[in-house]
Amino acid sequence: MTDHENELHIKVNAFKSWAKSNYPEIIEENDNGEWCFCDEFYEMTSCALSVIQKCPATGAGKQTIDDLLYAIARDNECESIVEELLDHQDWFALLCRQCLKTHYTNAKWQFVKRLCDYTGNENIRELVYDFLAVEDEYTERMALKALADIYPEKAEAYALVFWNRTKYENDEYQKIMALHVLYQIHSQKLCDYLEMAEHSEYKYLRMNAQEIREKIKADKLCE
């Protein structure tokens, strides 16, 4: 390990100790990214950025990869680390692939949101299909949006699956994303699903349908 990687590991452990002592109830599943008030957080993220900027991704060890993914997951409010990765695409590719093998949910959705901005190896963009099935509602929703951006010709079929499935107890936001994807790709099925949305019991789904209606009135996509 390089000096930068060793320093990152020290700072990650320091943050973990601080978080465990002060907020033991916060775990991956309920972390809303409100760590920006402690020095331990800033020191950890600063070290993570140094590793990305100064160390090659090639040959990165398991510990460094885990430390970086942990830091990214905790940085889910500002998302500054994952933004930096877009300027270091070898690191982005490595960490994007590896995060799928971890429990770091808050890293997964950050990566899939940015897959459309990644311009390196096309195989990495294909990981969007893996993100569509990670068993986390928000990540899968972001993956559907990413699919519409990257492979719009494939998005309609997935949008309809998202609309109709009952995988999650609260599926309102799944349906909202499906509706926006159908709008984005100019699906011929959009009008039918707008009508269903407008008759839904879900308040925000109805509101989103009305907003989309307003957007497309001038285009006369729906009679």
Protein backbone atom coordinates (compact mmCIF):
# COMPACT_ATOMS: atom_id res chain seq x y z
CA MET A 1 0.00 0.00 0.00
CA THR A 2 1.15 3.52 -0.74
CA ASP A 3 1.37 6.22 1.91
CA HIS A 4 -1.86 7.73 0.56
CA GLU A 5 -3.65 4.40 0.83
CA ASN A 6 -2.37 3.82 4.37
CA GLU A 7 -3.52 7.27 5.39
CA LEU A 8 -6.97 6.61 3.90
CA HIS A 9 -7.28 3.38 5.87
CA ILE A 10 -6.39 5.18 9.10
CA LYS A 11 -8.94 7.94 8.42
CA VAL A 12 -11.68 5.45 7.48
CA ASN A 13 -11.16 3.59 10.76
CA ALA A 14 -11.15 6.88 12.67
CA PHE A 15 -14.47 7.87 11.10
CA LYS A 16 -15.98 4.45 11.79
CA SER A 17 -15.01 4.74 15.46
CA TRP A 18 -16.44 8.26 15.69
CA ALA A 19 -19.69 7.24 13.99
CA LYS A 20 -20.09 4.14 16.15
CA SER A 21 -19.60 6.17 19.32
CA ASN A 22 -21.86 9.06 18.36
CA TYR A 23 -24.50 7.57 16.03
CA PRO A 24 -24.57 3.78 16.54
CA GLU A 25 -28.12 3.61 15.18
CA ILE A 26 -27.07 4.75 11.69
CA ILE A 27 -26.34 1.88 9.33
CA GLU A 28 -26.08 1.55 5.55
CA GLU A 29 -29.84 1.24 5.15
CA ASN A 30 -30.74 4.46 6.96
CA ASP A 31 -27.72 6.66 6.21
CA ASN A 32 -29.07 9.90 4.76
CA GLY A 33 -25.68 11.49 4.21
CA GLU A 34 -25.65 14.01 7.02
CA TRP A 35 -22.04 13.51 8.06
CA CYS A 36 -20.76 16.85 6.76
CA PHE A 37 -20.44 18.37 10.21
CA CYS A 38 -17.53 16.33 11.62
CA ASP A 39 -13.78 16.62 11.04
CA GLU A 40 -13.46 12.84 10.74
CA PHE A 41 -15.70 12.89 7.69
CA TYR A 42 -13.77 15.65 5.94
CA GLU A 43 -10.42 13.99 6.67
CA MET A 44 -11.67 10.67 5.30
CA THR A 45 -13.08 12.14 2.09
CA SER A 46 -9.97 14.27 1.58
CA CYS A 47 -7.78 11.17 1.80
CA ALA A 48 -10.08 9.31 -0.59
CA LEU A 49 -9.70 12.08 -3.15
CA SER A 50 -5.91 11.99 -2.72
CA VAL A 51 -5.81 8.26 -3.44
CA ILE A 52 -7.90 8.70 -6.59
CA GLN A 53 -5.82 11.61 -7.80
CA LYS A 54 -2.36 10.30 -6.94
CA CYS A 55 -2.48 6.51 -7.05
CA PRO A 56 -3.06 4.23 -10.07
CA ALA A 57 -6.17 2.07 -10.05
CA THR A 58 -4.16 -0.82 -11.50
CA GLY A 59 -3.07 -3.07 -8.69
CA ALA A 60 -5.30 -1.52 -6.03
CA GLY A 61 -5.74 -3.95 -3.17
CA LYS A 62 -8.96 -5.17 -1.58
CA GLN A 63 -8.50 -2.95 1.46
CA THR A 64 -8.07 0.22 -0.58
CA ILE A 65 -11.06 -0.65 -2.74
CA ASP A 66 -13.20 -1.26 0.34
CA ASP A 67 -12.00 1.94 2.01
CA LEU A 68 -12.84 3.98 -1.08
CA LEU A 69 -16.27 2.42 -1.47
CA TYR A 70 -17.00 2.99 2.20
CA ALA A 71 -16.01 6.65 1.88
CA ILE A 72 -18.12 7.04 -1.25
CA ALA A 73 -21.11 5.49 0.49
CA ARG A 74 -20.80 7.93 3.40
CA ASP A 75 -20.37 10.85 0.98
CA ASN A 76 -23.90 10.38 -0.32
CA GLU A 77 -25.00 13.95 0.37
CA CYS A 78 -22.33 15.88 -1.57
CA GLU A 79 -21.29 12.99 -3.87
CA SER A 80 -17.93 14.71 -4.36
CA ILE A 81 -15.83 11.55 -4.49
CA VAL A 82 -17.84 9.82 -7.19
CA GLU A 83 -17.87 13.05 -9.19
CA GLU A 84 -14.06 13.11 -9.04
CA LEU A 85 -14.00 9.55 -10.37
CA LEU A 86 -15.37 10.71 -13.72
CA ASP A 87 -12.01 12.41 -14.27
CA HIS A 88 -10.19 9.17 -13.38
CA GLN A 89 -12.05 6.60 -15.42
CA ASP A 90 -9.85 3.63 -14.53
CA TRP A 91 -10.83 4.18 -10.91
CA PHE A 92 -14.48 4.68 -11.87
CA ALA A 93 -14.54 1.41 -13.82
CA LEU A 94 -12.85 -0.56 -11.04
CA LEU A 95 -14.98 0.78 -8.21
CA CYS A 96 -18.24 0.67 -10.16
CA ARG A 97 -17.75 -3.02 -10.87
CA GLN A 98 -16.58 -3.81 -7.35
CA CYS A 99 -19.38 -1.96 -5.56
CA LEU A 100 -21.88 -4.44 -6.96
CA LYS A 101 -20.18 -7.13 -4.87
CA THR A 102 -20.60 -5.17 -1.63
CA HIS A 103 -23.39 -4.10 0.72
CA TYR A 104 -22.63 -0.41 0.10
CA THR A 105 -26.05 0.57 -1.18
CA ASN A 106 -25.25 4.27 -0.94
CA ALA A 107 -22.31 3.80 -3.29
CA LYS A 108 -24.30 1.76 -5.80
CA TRP A 109 -26.90 4.40 -6.63
CA GLN A 110 -24.21 7.07 -6.95
CA PHE A 111 -22.38 5.00 -9.54
CA VAL A 112 -25.41 4.06 -11.59
CA LYS A 113 -26.56 7.69 -11.71
CA ARG A 114 -23.30 8.52 -13.49
CA LEU A 115 -22.96 5.58 -15.84
CA CYS A 116 -24.29 7.73 -18.69
CA ASP A 117 -21.40 10.17 -18.13
CA TYR A 118 -18.75 7.44 -18.22
CA THR A 119 -16.97 7.37 -21.58
CA GLY A 120 -14.49 4.54 -21.10
CA ASN A 121 -14.89 0.81 -21.64
CA GLU A 122 -18.37 0.06 -22.99
CA ASN A 123 -18.55 -3.05 -20.78
CA ILE A 124 -18.82 -0.80 -17.74
CA ARG A 125 -21.91 0.93 -19.11
CA GLU A 126 -23.48 -2.51 -19.53
CA LEU A 127 -23.39 -2.87 -15.74
CA VAL A 128 -26.61 -0.86 -15.73
CA TYR A 129 -28.40 -4.20 -16.12
CA ASP A 130 -26.79 -5.47 -12.91
CA PHE A 131 -27.84 -2.33 -11.06
CA LEU A 132 -31.43 -2.95 -12.18
CA ALA A 133 -31.49 -6.03 -9.95
CA VAL A 134 -29.62 -5.06 -6.77
CA GLU A 135 -32.65 -5.45 -4.48
CA ASP A 136 -32.71 -1.80 -3.45
CA GLU A 137 -35.66 0.30 -4.55
CA TYR A 138 -33.86 3.62 -5.03
CA THR A 139 -30.84 2.12 -6.79
CA GLU A 140 -33.05 0.19 -9.18
CA ARG A 141 -35.05 3.33 -9.88
CA MET A 142 -31.87 5.26 -10.72
CA ALA A 143 -30.80 2.33 -12.89
CA LEU A 144 -34.00 2.55 -14.93
CA LYS A 145 -33.28 6.23 -15.58
CA ALA A 146 -29.70 5.37 -16.53
CA LEU A 147 -30.95 2.68 -18.91
CA ALA A 148 -33.10 5.26 -20.70
CA ASP A 149 -30.04 7.49 -21.06
CA ILE A 150 -27.63 4.76 -22.22
CA TYR A 151 -29.78 2.24 -24.09
CA PRO A 152 -33.11 3.99 -24.77
CA GLU A 153 -34.16 1.23 -27.16
CA LYS A 154 -34.20 -1.20 -24.21
CA ALA A 155 -35.88 1.08 -21.70
CA GLU A 156 -39.55 0.64 -22.61
CA ALA A 157 -39.67 -3.04 -21.70
CA TYR A 158 -38.05 -2.39 -18.32
CA ALA A 159 -40.29 0.61 -17.64
CA LEU A 160 -43.37 -1.55 -18.12
CA VAL A 161 -41.95 -4.19 -15.78
CA PHE A 162 -41.29 -1.51 -13.14
CA TRP A 163 -44.84 -0.21 -13.52
CA ASN A 164 -46.52 -3.57 -13.18
CA ARG A 165 -44.41 -5.35 -10.61
CA THR A 166 -45.20 -5.40 -6.90
CA LYS A 167 -41.64 -6.01 -5.75
CA TYR A 168 -41.68 -3.23 -3.17
CA GLU A 169 -44.48 -2.41 -0.74
CA ASN A 170 -44.41 1.25 -1.77
CA ASP A 171 -44.19 1.22 -5.55
CA GLU A 172 -45.36 4.78 -6.24
CA TYR A 173 -41.91 6.09 -7.08
CA GLN A 174 -41.19 3.06 -9.26
CA LYS A 175 -44.25 3.96 -11.31
CA ILE A 176 -43.27 7.64 -11.41
CA MET A 177 -39.85 6.77 -12.83
CA ALA A 178 -41.43 4.38 -15.33
CA LEU A 179 -43.72 7.18 -16.50
CA HIS A 180 -40.84 9.64 -16.93
CA VAL A 181 -38.82 7.05 -18.84
CA LEU A 182 -41.71 6.41 -21.22
CA TYR A 183 -41.89 10.16 -21.77
CA GLN A 184 -38.13 10.48 -22.24
CA ILE A 185 -37.94 7.77 -24.91
CA HIS A 186 -41.15 8.94 -26.66
CA SER A 187 -42.81 5.60 -26.12
CA GLN A 188 -46.02 4.92 -28.02
CA LYS A 189 -47.35 3.47 -24.77
CA LEU A 190 -46.96 6.75 -22.91
CA CYS A 191 -50.54 7.93 -23.43
CA ASP A 192 -52.02 4.74 -22.01
CA TYR A 193 -49.85 4.91 -18.92
CA LEU A 194 -50.56 8.59 -18.41
CA GLU A 195 -54.23 7.75 -18.29
CA MET A 196 -53.64 4.97 -15.77
CA ALA A 197 -51.51 7.33 -13.67
CA GLU A 198 -54.20 9.99 -13.68
CA HIS A 199 -56.67 7.50 -12.26
CA SER A 200 -54.26 6.13 -9.67
CA GLU A 201 -54.74 6.39 -5.92
CA TYR A 202 -51.17 7.71 -5.69
CA LYS A 203 -51.11 11.49 -5.25
CA TYR A 204 -47.58 12.11 -6.53
CA LEU A 205 -48.03 9.77 -9.47
CA ARG A 206 -51.08 11.77 -10.52
CA MET A 207 -49.15 15.01 -10.12
CA ASN A 208 -46.28 13.74 -12.27
CA ALA A 209 -48.71 12.60 -14.93
CA GLN A 210 -50.22 16.07 -15.04
CA GLU A 211 -46.78 17.65 -15.33
CA ILE A 212 -45.90 15.38 -18.24
CA ARG A 213 -49.22 16.21 -19.91
CA GLU A 214 -48.28 19.88 -19.75
CA LYS A 215 -44.88 19.19 -21.28
CA ILE A 216 -46.25 17.29 -24.25
CA LYS A 217 -49.33 19.38 -25.04
CA ALA A 218 -47.46 21.47 -27.59
CA ASP A 219 -46.08 18.34 -29.27
CA LYS A 220 -49.57 16.83 -29.57
CA LEU A 221 -48.24 13.41 -28.62
CA CYS A 222 -51.46 12.50 -26.88
CA GLU A 223 -54.87 13.28 -28.25
